[in-house]
Amino acid sequence: MKEKDTIYENLFRKVAFRDDEQAFRELFLEFYP
């Protein structure tokens, strides 16, 4: 689980760095429908 959490954290950081809320919401919905 920790490995997956790291992957999600990395994705979150990438999206947050881009400051793209829409992209983050799309990723979030893909992982948590």
N, C-alpha and C. Protein backbone atom coordinates (compact mmCIF):
# COMPACT_ATOMS: atom_id res chain seq x y z
N MET A 1 0.85 -1.21 0.00
CA MET A 1 0.00 0.00 0.00
C MET A 1 0.88 1.25 0.00
N LYS A 2 1.99 1.18 0.72
CA LYS A 2 2.85 2.36 0.80
C LYS A 2 3.37 2.75 -0.58
N GLU A 3 3.69 1.74 -1.39
CA GLU A 3 4.20 2.04 -2.73
C GLU A 3 3.15 2.77 -3.54
N LYS A 4 1.89 2.31 -3.47
CA LYS A 4 0.81 2.97 -4.21
C LYS A 4 0.60 4.38 -3.68
N ASP A 5 0.67 4.55 -2.36
CA ASP A 5 0.48 5.88 -1.78
C ASP A 5 1.54 6.83 -2.33
N THR A 6 2.76 6.31 -2.49
CA THR A 6 3.84 7.14 -3.02
C THR A 6 3.53 7.56 -4.45
N ILE A 7 2.99 6.63 -5.23
CA ILE A 7 2.64 6.94 -6.62
C ILE A 7 1.57 8.03 -6.65
N TYR A 8 0.55 7.89 -5.80
CA TYR A 8 -0.52 8.90 -5.75
C TYR A 8 0.05 10.24 -5.31
N GLU A 9 0.97 10.20 -4.34
CA GLU A 9 1.56 11.44 -3.84
C GLU A 9 2.36 12.13 -4.94
N ASN A 10 3.10 11.33 -5.71
CA ASN A 10 3.88 11.90 -6.81
C ASN A 10 2.96 12.52 -7.85
N LEU A 11 1.86 11.83 -8.18
CA LEU A 11 0.89 12.38 -9.14
C LEU A 11 0.31 13.68 -8.60
N PHE A 12 -0.03 13.69 -7.31
CA PHE A 12 -0.60 14.88 -6.71
C PHE A 12 0.38 16.05 -6.79
N ARG A 13 1.65 15.77 -6.50
CA ARG A 13 2.66 16.83 -6.53
C ARG A 13 2.81 17.38 -7.94
N LYS A 14 2.80 16.47 -8.94
CA LYS A 14 2.94 16.92 -10.33
C LYS A 14 1.77 17.82 -10.71
N VAL A 15 0.55 17.41 -10.36
CA VAL A 15 -0.63 18.19 -10.70
C VAL A 15 -0.65 19.50 -9.93
N ALA A 16 -0.30 19.44 -8.65
CA ALA A 16 -0.30 20.64 -7.82
C ALA A 16 0.75 21.62 -8.34
N PHE A 17 1.87 21.09 -8.80
CA PHE A 17 2.92 21.96 -9.33
C PHE A 17 2.42 22.68 -10.58
N ARG A 18 1.62 21.98 -11.38
CA ARG A 18 1.06 22.58 -12.59
C ARG A 18 -0.11 23.48 -12.24
N ASP A 19 -0.63 23.32 -11.00
CA ASP A 19 -1.76 24.13 -10.55
C ASP A 19 -2.94 23.93 -11.50
N ASP A 20 -3.20 22.65 -11.83
CA ASP A 20 -4.29 22.33 -12.75
C ASP A 20 -5.35 21.55 -11.99
N GLU A 21 -6.34 22.26 -11.46
CA GLU A 21 -7.36 21.61 -10.63
C GLU A 21 -8.18 20.61 -11.45
N GLN A 22 -8.48 20.95 -12.69
CA GLN A 22 -9.29 20.06 -13.52
C GLN A 22 -8.57 18.73 -13.74
N ALA A 23 -7.29 18.77 -14.02
CA ALA A 23 -6.52 17.54 -14.25
C ALA A 23 -6.51 16.71 -12.97
N PHE A 24 -6.37 17.38 -11.83
CA PHE A 24 -6.36 16.67 -10.56
C PHE A 24 -7.70 15.98 -10.32
N ARG A 25 -8.78 16.68 -10.61
CA ARG A 25 -10.11 16.10 -10.40
C ARG A 25 -10.30 14.89 -11.31
N GLU A 26 -9.80 14.97 -12.54
CA GLU A 26 -9.93 13.85 -13.47
C GLU A 26 -9.13 12.65 -12.95
N LEU A 27 -7.93 12.89 -12.46
CA LEU A 27 -7.12 11.79 -11.92
C LEU A 27 -7.80 11.21 -10.70
N PHE A 28 -8.33 12.08 -9.84
CA PHE A 28 -8.98 11.63 -8.61
C PHE A 28 -10.18 10.74 -8.94
N LEU A 29 -10.97 11.16 -9.92
CA LEU A 29 -12.16 10.38 -10.30
C LEU A 29 -11.76 9.05 -10.93
N GLU A 30 -10.62 9.02 -11.61
CA GLU A 30 -10.16 7.77 -12.22
C GLU A 30 -9.80 6.75 -11.15
N PHE A 31 -9.14 7.22 -10.08
CA PHE A 31 -8.72 6.31 -9.01
C PHE A 31 -9.86 6.02 -8.05
N TYR A 32 -10.74 7.02 -7.85
CA TYR A 32 -11.85 6.86 -6.92
C TYR A 32 -13.17 7.21 -7.60
N PRO A 33 -13.70 6.30 -8.41
CA PRO A 33 -14.95 6.58 -9.13
C PRO A 33 -16.15 6.69 -8.19
